[in-house]
Amino acid sequence: MDLKLKDKLFLVGGATGGFGRSVALGLVTEGAKVIAVARTKANLEALQAKYPTSIETIVGDITSMEIVNAILNRIGDRNITGALINAGGPPAMSTLNTTLKDWDDAYHSVFRWKVALTQGLVEKMTPYQYGRIVYVESVTIKQPVENLVLSNAMRLAVTGFVKTLSQEIGHTGITLNILGPGYHATQRMTNLFEKNSQLKGIPVKEIEKLFVDQTKVGFIGDPDDFASLALWLFSPYSKYITGQTITVDGGLVLGTLG
């Protein structure tokens, strides 16, 4: 299926690992151009060296205003078709182990920068009456995950923001949707296994099995499969879908609205 992404320009956060890398490579395969953002210069250089005519890079922490401004300046007056709003999550911890500083940090790392970047992107997309913004959040939006209280709470703020904005600008041809991944084979998941292993005194392999057993499909997800849905949401075929939170979770969420 031709997703009609050839020669279109996209922004991808966290482009050298996990979901971001899978989406960036998927876009390149579809013939798109990518502004890839990540913190590790060497990894970005390796990605660009492999696809020198398709990928340009910005090195830095996408959650900082410095990099948000650098992204918007790099786009300039070019027609930016879509963006994957994606970065790592807050640290794993239980509620009573958090401090107010942890909550302040989570606000900045999970929410604040997304508002600033989204506002800038929408301003650039509006004259073209077209745009696709996809946010990578977490299954925690639909169902809390143990020892992830900061993610469980702060990502709900993103949901409220995206849903409200999608209703306000629905007539512009710009859509905004959230993907809520469950347990996938990413570094973030490995970190969560290790954190739970430390907290419970159980080997990592046993922790991994406990997580797998929570799914209905019986295995951890593949980031490339996740990326295929993001690519479709980037395409013109998704024009009638906006303001949605779609969980990609192997049946983890038990609620009927999952």
C-alpha atoms as a PDB file:
ATOM      1  CA  MET A   1       0.000   0.000   0.000  1.00  0.00           C
ATOM      2  CA  ASP A   2       1.383   3.384  -1.007  1.00  0.00           C
ATOM      3  CA  LEU A   3       0.995   5.655   2.024  1.00  0.00           C
ATOM      4  CA  LYS A   4       1.654   8.741  -0.137  1.00  0.00           C
ATOM      5  CA  LEU A   5       4.505   9.972   2.039  1.00  0.00           C
ATOM      6  CA  LYS A   6       7.159  10.281  -0.670  1.00  0.00           C
ATOM      7  CA  ASP A   7       9.179  13.511  -0.461  1.00  0.00           C
ATOM      8  CA  LYS A   8       7.107  14.752   2.487  1.00  0.00           C
ATOM      9  CA  LEU A   9       8.942  16.261   5.463  1.00  0.00           C
ATOM     10  CA  PHE A  10       8.525  14.788   8.954  1.00  0.00           C
ATOM     11  CA  LEU A  11       9.941  15.444  12.403  1.00  0.00           C
ATOM     12  CA  VAL A  12      10.822  12.424  14.545  1.00  0.00           C
ATOM     13  CA  GLY A  13      11.783  12.718  18.203  1.00  0.00           C
ATOM     14  CA  GLY A  14      13.900  10.052  19.851  1.00  0.00           C
ATOM     15  CA  ALA A  15      14.934   8.966  16.375  1.00  0.00           C
ATOM     16  CA  THR A  16      17.854   6.687  17.229  1.00  0.00           C
ATOM     17  CA  GLY A  17      16.140   4.166  19.477  1.00  0.00           C
ATOM     18  CA  GLY A  18      12.925   2.311  20.185  1.00  0.00           C
ATOM     19  CA  PHE A  19       9.748   3.630  18.583  1.00  0.00           C
ATOM     20  CA  GLY A  20      11.420   6.725  17.177  1.00  0.00           C
ATOM     21  CA  ARG A  21      14.021   4.782  15.236  1.00  0.00           C
ATOM     22  CA  SER A  22      11.424   2.374  13.856  1.00  0.00           C
ATOM     23  CA  VAL A  23       9.238   5.266  12.699  1.00  0.00           C
ATOM     24  CA  ALA A  24      12.168   7.190  11.210  1.00  0.00           C
ATOM     25  CA  LEU A  25      13.309   4.161   9.217  1.00  0.00           C
ATOM     26  CA  GLY A  26       9.752   3.438   8.139  1.00  0.00           C
ATOM     27  CA  LEU A  27       9.365   6.985   6.827  1.00  0.00           C
ATOM     28  CA  VAL A  28      12.625   6.749   4.894  1.00  0.00           C
ATOM     29  CA  THR A  29      11.473   3.468   3.376  1.00  0.00           C
ATOM     30  CA  GLU A  30       8.313   5.249   2.217  1.00  0.00           C
ATOM     31  CA  GLY A  31      10.453   7.900   0.520  1.00  0.00           C
ATOM     32  CA  ALA A  32       9.895  10.649   3.074  1.00  0.00           C
ATOM     33  CA  LYS A  33      12.401  13.178   4.410  1.00  0.00           C
ATOM     34  CA  VAL A  34      13.093  13.174   8.144  1.00  0.00           C
ATOM     35  CA  ILE A  35      14.374  15.697  10.658  1.00  0.00           C
ATOM     36  CA  ALA A  36      15.740  13.293  13.257  1.00  0.00           C
ATOM     37  CA  VAL A  37      16.197  14.489  16.829  1.00  0.00           C
ATOM     38  CA  ALA A  38      18.079  12.616  19.544  1.00  0.00           C
ATOM     39  CA  ARG A  39      20.565  13.260  22.319  1.00  0.00           C
ATOM     40  CA  THR A  40      23.458  11.066  21.159  1.00  0.00           C
ATOM     41  CA  LYS A  41      25.444  12.635  18.337  1.00  0.00           C
ATOM     42  CA  ALA A  42      27.206   9.437  17.282  1.00  0.00           C
ATOM     43  CA  ASN A  43      23.943   7.557  16.848  1.00  0.00           C
ATOM     44  CA  LEU A  44      22.445  10.369  14.785  1.00  0.00           C
ATOM     45  CA  GLU A  45      25.547  10.552  12.603  1.00  0.00           C
ATOM     46  CA  ALA A  46      25.366   6.817  11.968  1.00  0.00           C
ATOM     47  CA  LEU A  47      21.705   7.110  10.989  1.00  0.00           C
ATOM     48  CA  GLN A  48      22.382  10.033   8.660  1.00  0.00           C
ATOM     49  CA  ALA A  49      25.377   8.290   7.099  1.00  0.00           C
ATOM     50  CA  LYS A  50      23.122   5.397   6.156  1.00  0.00           C
ATOM     51  CA  TYR A  51      20.486   7.693   4.613  1.00  0.00           C
ATOM     52  CA  PRO A  52      22.352  10.899   3.700  1.00  0.00           C
ATOM     53  CA  THR A  53      19.737  12.227   1.284  1.00  0.00           C
ATOM     54  CA  SER A  54      16.753  11.442   3.486  1.00  0.00           C
ATOM     55  CA  ILE A  55      17.749  12.360   7.023  1.00  0.00           C
ATOM     56  CA  GLU A  56      18.913  15.602   8.601  1.00  0.00           C
ATOM     57  CA  THR A  57      19.713  15.743  12.275  1.00  0.00           C
ATOM     58  CA  ILE A  58      19.402  17.868  15.392  1.00  0.00           C
ATOM     59  CA  VAL A  59      21.421  16.780  18.417  1.00  0.00           C
ATOM     60  CA  GLY A  60      19.911  17.510  21.804  1.00  0.00           C
ATOM     61  CA  ASP A  61      17.207  16.876  24.361  1.00  0.00           C
ATOM     62  CA  ILE A  62      13.849  17.454  22.674  1.00  0.00           C
ATOM     63  CA  THR A  63      12.260  18.205  26.045  1.00  0.00           C
ATOM     64  CA  SER A  64      14.334  21.398  26.375  1.00  0.00           C
ATOM     65  CA  MET A  65      13.112  24.718  25.012  1.00  0.00           C
ATOM     66  CA  GLU A  66      16.484  25.212  23.354  1.00  0.00           C
ATOM     67  CA  ILE A  67      15.928  22.191  21.136  1.00  0.00           C
ATOM     68  CA  VAL A  68      12.225  22.946  20.602  1.00  0.00           C
ATOM     69  CA  ASN A  69      13.261  26.349  19.239  1.00  0.00           C
ATOM     70  CA  ALA A  70      16.046  24.755  17.176  1.00  0.00           C
ATOM     71  CA  ILE A  71      13.511  22.384  15.593  1.00  0.00           C
ATOM     72  CA  LEU A  72      11.107  25.177  14.680  1.00  0.00           C
ATOM     73  CA  ASN A  73      13.961  27.268  13.282  1.00  0.00           C
ATOM     74  CA  ARG A  74      15.246  24.319  11.236  1.00  0.00           C
ATOM     75  CA  ILE A  75      11.821  23.759   9.698  1.00  0.00           C
ATOM     76  CA  GLY A  76      11.641  27.433   8.823  1.00  0.00           C
ATOM     77  CA  ASP A  77       9.103  28.074   6.092  1.00  0.00           C
ATOM     78  CA  ARG A  78       9.225  24.524   4.746  1.00  0.00           C
ATOM     79  CA  ASN A  79       6.021  22.491   4.568  1.00  0.00           C
ATOM     80  CA  ILE A  80       6.232  20.120   7.539  1.00  0.00           C
ATOM     81  CA  THR A  81       3.769  17.303   6.889  1.00  0.00           C
ATOM     82  CA  GLY A  82       3.903  15.522  10.214  1.00  0.00           C
ATOM     83  CA  ALA A  83       5.677  14.952  13.499  1.00  0.00           C
ATOM     84  CA  LEU A  84       6.266  12.119  15.926  1.00  0.00           C
ATOM     85  CA  ILE A  85       6.271  13.718  19.366  1.00  0.00           C
ATOM     86  CA  ASN A  86       8.348  11.250  21.282  1.00  0.00           C
ATOM     87  CA  ALA A  87      10.788  11.193  24.188  1.00  0.00           C
ATOM     88  CA  GLY A  88      11.651   9.046  27.161  1.00  0.00           C
ATOM     89  CA  GLY A  89       9.384   8.936  30.171  1.00  0.00           C
ATOM     90  CA  PRO A  90       9.873   9.919  33.808  1.00  0.00           C
ATOM     91  CA  PRO A  91      11.672   7.571  36.209  1.00  0.00           C
ATOM     92  CA  ALA A  92       9.884   4.582  37.653  1.00  0.00           C
ATOM     93  CA  MET A  93       8.794   5.002  41.266  1.00  0.00           C
ATOM     94  CA  SER A  94       5.849   4.501  43.560  1.00  0.00           C
ATOM     95  CA  THR A  95       3.650   7.361  44.747  1.00  0.00           C
ATOM     96  CA  LEU A  96       4.906   7.726  48.311  1.00  0.00           C
ATOM     97  CA  ASN A  97       8.522   7.654  47.175  1.00  0.00           C
ATOM     98  CA  THR A  98       8.078  10.747  45.012  1.00  0.00           C
ATOM     99  CA  THR A  99       8.957  14.298  45.999  1.00  0.00           C
ATOM    100  CA  LEU A 100       7.438  17.509  44.692  1.00  0.00           C
ATOM    101  CA  LYS A 101      10.607  18.010  42.670  1.00  0.00           C
ATOM    102  CA  ASP A 102       9.927  14.672  40.953  1.00  0.00           C
ATOM    103  CA  TRP A 103       6.509  16.013  39.961  1.00  0.00           C
ATOM    104  CA  ASP A 104       7.942  19.314  38.756  1.00  0.00           C
ATOM    105  CA  ASP A 105      10.524  17.428  36.683  1.00  0.00           C
ATOM    106  CA  ALA A 106       7.823  15.155  35.251  1.00  0.00           C
ATOM    107  CA  TYR A 107       5.760  18.184  34.211  1.00  0.00           C
ATOM    108  CA  HIS A 108       8.714  19.492  32.244  1.00  0.00           C
ATOM    109  CA  SER A 109       9.792  16.159  30.757  1.00  0.00           C
ATOM    110  CA  VAL A 110       6.335  14.806  29.873  1.00  0.00           C
ATOM    111  CA  PHE A 111       4.085  17.787  29.199  1.00  0.00           C
ATOM    112  CA  ARG A 112       5.405  21.345  28.946  1.00  0.00           C
ATOM    113  CA  TRP A 113       7.673  20.964  25.913  1.00  0.00           C
ATOM    114  CA  LYS A 114       4.942  19.153  23.986  1.00  0.00           C
ATOM    115  CA  VAL A 115       2.670  22.172  24.328  1.00  0.00           C
ATOM    116  CA  ALA A 116       5.378  24.506  23.039  1.00  0.00           C
ATOM    117  CA  LEU A 117       6.384  22.276  20.126  1.00  0.00           C
ATOM    118  CA  THR A 118       2.794  21.512  19.149  1.00  0.00           C
ATOM    119  CA  GLN A 119       1.854  25.191  19.089  1.00  0.00           C
ATOM    120  CA  GLY A 120       4.836  25.922  16.847  1.00  0.00           C
ATOM    121  CA  LEU A 121       4.077  23.031  14.501  1.00  0.00           C
ATOM    122  CA  VAL A 122       0.394  23.897  14.185  1.00  0.00           C
ATOM    123  CA  GLU A 123       1.325  27.473  13.303  1.00  0.00           C
ATOM    124  CA  LYS A 124       3.539  26.174  10.487  1.00  0.00           C
ATOM    125  CA  MET A 125       0.987  23.616   9.249  1.00  0.00           C
ATOM    126  CA  THR A 126      -2.073  25.868   9.251  1.00  0.00           C
ATOM    127  CA  PRO A 127      -1.261  27.804   6.042  1.00  0.00           C
ATOM    128  CA  TYR A 128      -1.063  24.471   4.193  1.00  0.00           C
ATOM    129  CA  GLN A 129      -4.345  23.229   5.720  1.00  0.00           C
ATOM    130  CA  TYR A 130      -2.738  19.854   6.376  1.00  0.00           C
ATOM    131  CA  GLY A 131      -0.733  18.148   9.086  1.00  0.00           C
ATOM    132  CA  ARG A 132      -0.370  14.954  11.061  1.00  0.00           C
ATOM    133  CA  ILE A 133       0.897  14.996  14.656  1.00  0.00           C
ATOM    134  CA  VAL A 134       1.295  11.685  16.475  1.00  0.00           C
ATOM    135  CA  TYR A 135       2.239  11.516  20.145  1.00  0.00           C
ATOM    136  CA  VAL A 136       3.933   8.472  21.634  1.00  0.00           C
ATOM    137  CA  GLU A 137       2.677   8.271  25.200  1.00  0.00           C
ATOM    138  CA  SER A 138       1.919   5.089  27.136  1.00  0.00           C
ATOM    139  CA  VAL A 139      -0.698   2.500  27.916  1.00  0.00           C
ATOM    140  CA  THR A 140      -0.708   4.189  31.335  1.00  0.00           C
ATOM    141  CA  ILE A 141      -3.187   6.682  29.865  1.00  0.00           C
ATOM    142  CA  LYS A 142      -5.808   3.914  29.855  1.00  0.00           C
ATOM    143  CA  GLN A 143      -4.594   1.736  32.730  1.00  0.00           C
ATOM    144  CA  PRO A 144      -2.020   2.510  35.455  1.00  0.00           C
ATOM    145  CA  VAL A 145       1.211   0.534  35.483  1.00  0.00           C
ATOM    146  CA  GLU A 146       2.766  -0.380  38.820  1.00  0.00           C
ATOM    147  CA  ASN A 147       5.653   1.867  39.941  1.00  0.00           C
ATOM    148  CA  LEU A 148       5.041   4.360  37.130  1.00  0.00           C
ATOM    149  CA  VAL A 149       2.967   6.913  39.027  1.00  0.00           C
ATOM    150  CA  LEU A 150       4.596   9.921  37.321  1.00  0.00           C
ATOM    151  CA  SER A 151       3.770   8.527  33.888  1.00  0.00           C
ATOM    152  CA  ASN A 152       0.333   7.335  35.019  1.00  0.00           C
ATOM    153  CA  ALA A 153      -0.587  10.861  36.066  1.00  0.00           C
ATOM    154  CA  MET A 154       1.301  13.270  33.809  1.00  0.00           C
ATOM    155  CA  ARG A 155       0.467  11.598  30.495  1.00  0.00           C
ATOM    156  CA  LEU A 156      -3.214  12.177  31.195  1.00  0.00           C
ATOM    157  CA  ALA A 157      -2.472  15.886  30.906  1.00  0.00           C
ATOM    158  CA  VAL A 158      -1.197  15.270  27.375  1.00  0.00           C
ATOM    159  CA  THR A 159      -4.434  13.471  26.559  1.00  0.00           C
ATOM    160  CA  GLY A 160      -6.537  16.412  27.697  1.00  0.00           C
ATOM    161  CA  PHE A 161      -4.374  18.858  25.757  1.00  0.00           C
ATOM    162  CA  VAL A 162      -4.417  16.833  22.520  1.00  0.00           C
ATOM    163  CA  LYS A 163      -8.147  16.119  22.669  1.00  0.00           C
ATOM    164  CA  THR A 164      -8.999  19.789  23.268  1.00  0.00           C
ATOM    165  CA  LEU A 165      -6.707  21.077  20.529  1.00  0.00           C
ATOM    166  CA  SER A 166      -7.956  18.490  18.030  1.00  0.00           C
ATOM    167  CA  GLN A 167     -11.472  19.847  18.524  1.00  0.00           C
ATOM    168  CA  GLU A 168     -10.348  23.449  18.220  1.00  0.00           C
ATOM    169  CA  ILE A 169      -8.480  22.962  14.932  1.00  0.00           C
ATOM    170  CA  GLY A 170     -10.364  20.063  13.362  1.00  0.00           C
ATOM    171  CA  HIS A 171     -11.416  22.228  10.406  1.00  0.00           C
ATOM    172  CA  THR A 172      -7.804  22.993   9.419  1.00  0.00           C
ATOM    173  CA  GLY A 173      -6.899  19.573   8.019  1.00  0.00           C
ATOM    174  CA  ILE A 174      -4.473  19.003  10.899  1.00  0.00           C
ATOM    175  CA  THR A 175      -5.043  15.858  12.933  1.00  0.00           C
ATOM    176  CA  LEU A 176      -3.601  14.968  16.321  1.00  0.00           C
ATOM    177  CA  ASN A 177      -3.610  11.452  17.752  1.00  0.00           C
ATOM    178  CA  ILE A 178      -1.952   9.583  20.585  1.00  0.00           C
ATOM    179  CA  LEU A 179      -0.469   6.107  20.480  1.00  0.00           C
ATOM    180  CA  GLY A 180      -0.267   4.377  23.848  1.00  0.00           C
ATOM    181  CA  PRO A 181       2.250   1.547  23.664  1.00  0.00           C
ATOM    182  CA  GLY A 182       2.092  -1.303  26.094  1.00  0.00           C
ATOM    183  CA  TYR A 183       5.069  -3.562  26.658  1.00  0.00           C
ATOM    184  CA  HIS A 184       7.486  -3.406  23.723  1.00  0.00           C
ATOM    185  CA  ALA A 185      11.095  -4.457  23.241  1.00  0.00           C
ATOM    186  CA  THR A 186      12.676  -1.060  23.953  1.00  0.00           C
ATOM    187  CA  GLN A 187      15.328   0.213  26.337  1.00  0.00           C
ATOM    188  CA  ARG A 188      12.576   1.859  28.386  1.00  0.00           C
ATOM    189  CA  MET A 189      11.022  -1.563  28.966  1.00  0.00           C
ATOM    190  CA  THR A 190      14.377  -3.049  29.950  1.00  0.00           C
ATOM    191  CA  ASN A 191      14.821  -0.259  32.492  1.00  0.00           C
ATOM    192  CA  LEU A 192      11.370  -0.965  33.920  1.00  0.00           C
ATOM    193  CA  PHE A 193      12.155  -4.678  34.263  1.00  0.00           C
ATOM    194  CA  GLU A 194      15.366  -3.845  36.119  1.00  0.00           C
ATOM    195  CA  LYS A 195      13.660  -1.321  38.419  1.00  0.00           C
ATOM    196  CA  ASN A 196      10.969  -3.823  39.367  1.00  0.00           C
ATOM    197  CA  SER A 197      13.607  -6.487  39.893  1.00  0.00           C
ATOM    198  CA  GLN A 198      15.383  -4.230  42.389  1.00  0.00           C
ATOM    199  CA  LEU A 199      12.185  -3.273  44.197  1.00  0.00           C
ATOM    200  CA  LYS A 200      10.875  -6.833  44.504  1.00  0.00           C
ATOM    201  CA  GLY A 201      14.107  -8.779  44.785  1.00  0.00           C
ATOM    202  CA  ILE A 202      13.117 -11.003  41.875  1.00  0.00           C
ATOM    203  CA  PRO A 203      15.365 -11.884  38.891  1.00  0.00           C
ATOM    204  CA  VAL A 204      14.829  -9.777  35.769  1.00  0.00           C
ATOM    205  CA  LYS A 205      13.723 -12.798  33.732  1.00  0.00           C
ATOM    206  CA  GLU A 206      10.948 -13.522  36.209  1.00  0.00           C
ATOM    207  CA  ILE A 207       9.871  -9.886  36.142  1.00  0.00           C
ATOM    208  CA  GLU A 208       9.738 -10.003  32.338  1.00  0.00           C
ATOM    209  CA  LYS A 209       7.518 -13.081  32.491  1.00  0.00           C
ATOM    210  CA  LEU A 210       5.163 -11.299  34.903  1.00  0.00           C
ATOM    211  CA  PHE A 211       4.776  -8.481  32.391  1.00  0.00           C
ATOM    212  CA  VAL A 212       4.302 -10.836  29.445  1.00  0.00           C
ATOM    213  CA  ASP A 213       1.626 -12.707  31.361  1.00  0.00           C
ATOM    214  CA  GLN A 214      -0.377  -9.479  31.668  1.00  0.00           C
ATOM    215  CA  THR A 215      -0.868  -9.382  27.904  1.00  0.00           C
ATOM    216  CA  LYS A 216      -3.406 -11.520  26.111  1.00  0.00           C
ATOM    217  CA  VAL A 217      -1.193 -12.280  23.115  1.00  0.00           C
ATOM    218  CA  GLY A 218       1.576 -13.698  25.292  1.00  0.00           C
ATOM    219  CA  PHE A 219       4.587 -11.761  24.041  1.00  0.00           C
ATOM    220  CA  ILE A 220       6.331  -8.381  24.140  1.00  0.00           C
ATOM    221  CA  GLY A 221       5.565  -6.071  21.221  1.00  0.00           C
ATOM    222  CA  ASP A 222       7.828  -5.246  18.270  1.00  0.00           C
ATOM    223  CA  PRO A 223       8.585  -1.505  17.770  1.00  0.00           C
ATOM    224  CA  ASP A 224       8.475  -2.006  13.992  1.00  0.00           C
ATOM    225  CA  ASP A 225       4.872  -3.202  14.203  1.00  0.00           C
ATOM    226  CA  PHE A 226       4.058  -0.174  16.346  1.00  0.00           C
ATOM    227  CA  ALA A 227       5.676   2.064  13.724  1.00  0.00           C
ATOM    228  CA  SER A 228       3.434   0.706  10.973  1.00  0.00           C
ATOM    229  CA  LEU A 229       0.397   2.206  12.714  1.00  0.00           C
ATOM    230  CA  ALA A 230       2.170   5.532  13.213  1.00  0.00           C
ATOM    231  CA  LEU A 231       3.018   5.622   9.504  1.00  0.00           C
ATOM    232  CA  TRP A 232      -0.611   5.064   8.575  1.00  0.00           C
ATOM    233  CA  LEU A 233      -1.677   7.868  10.909  1.00  0.00           C
ATOM    234  CA  PHE A 234       0.837  10.075   9.078  1.00  0.00           C
ATOM    235  CA  SER A 235      -0.816   9.298   5.766  1.00  0.00           C
ATOM    236  CA  PRO A 236      -3.719  11.048   4.013  1.00  0.00           C
ATOM    237  CA  TYR A 237      -5.834   7.933   4.628  1.00  0.00           C
ATOM    238  CA  SER A 238      -6.172   8.864   8.320  1.00  0.00           C
ATOM    239  CA  LYS A 239      -7.946  12.167   7.641  1.00  0.00           C
ATOM    240  CA  TYR A 240     -11.102  11.134   9.525  1.00  0.00           C
ATOM    241  CA  ILE A 241      -9.279  10.156  12.720  1.00  0.00           C
ATOM    242  CA  THR A 242      -8.322  12.873  15.198  1.00  0.00           C
ATOM    243  CA  GLY A 243      -8.228  13.371  18.954  1.00  0.00           C
ATOM    244  CA  GLN A 244      -7.924   9.642  19.573  1.00  0.00           C
ATOM    245  CA  THR A 245      -5.806   7.664  22.007  1.00  0.00           C
ATOM    246  CA  ILE A 246      -5.079   4.262  20.518  1.00  0.00           C
ATOM    247  CA  THR A 247      -3.447   1.683  22.737  1.00  0.00           C
ATOM    248  CA  VAL A 248      -1.013  -0.769  21.137  1.00  0.00           C
ATOM    249  CA  ASP A 249      -0.787  -3.221  23.967  1.00  0.00           C
ATOM    250  CA  GLY A 250      -1.357  -6.877  23.117  1.00  0.00           C
ATOM    251  CA  GLY A 251      -4.625  -6.841  25.042  1.00  0.00           C
ATOM    252  CA  LEU A 252      -3.101  -5.436  28.242  1.00  0.00           C
ATOM    253  CA  VAL A 253      -5.825  -2.869  28.921  1.00  0.00           C
ATOM    254  CA  LEU A 254      -8.854  -4.598  30.386  1.00  0.00           C
ATOM    255  CA  GLY A 255     -11.395  -1.767  30.081  1.00  0.00           C
ATOM    256  CA  THR A 256     -13.872  -1.743  27.218  1.00  0.00           C
ATOM    257  CA  LEU A 257     -12.559   1.659  26.070  1.00  0.00           C
ATOM    258  CA  GLY A 258      -8.970   0.427  25.883  1.00  0.00           C
END
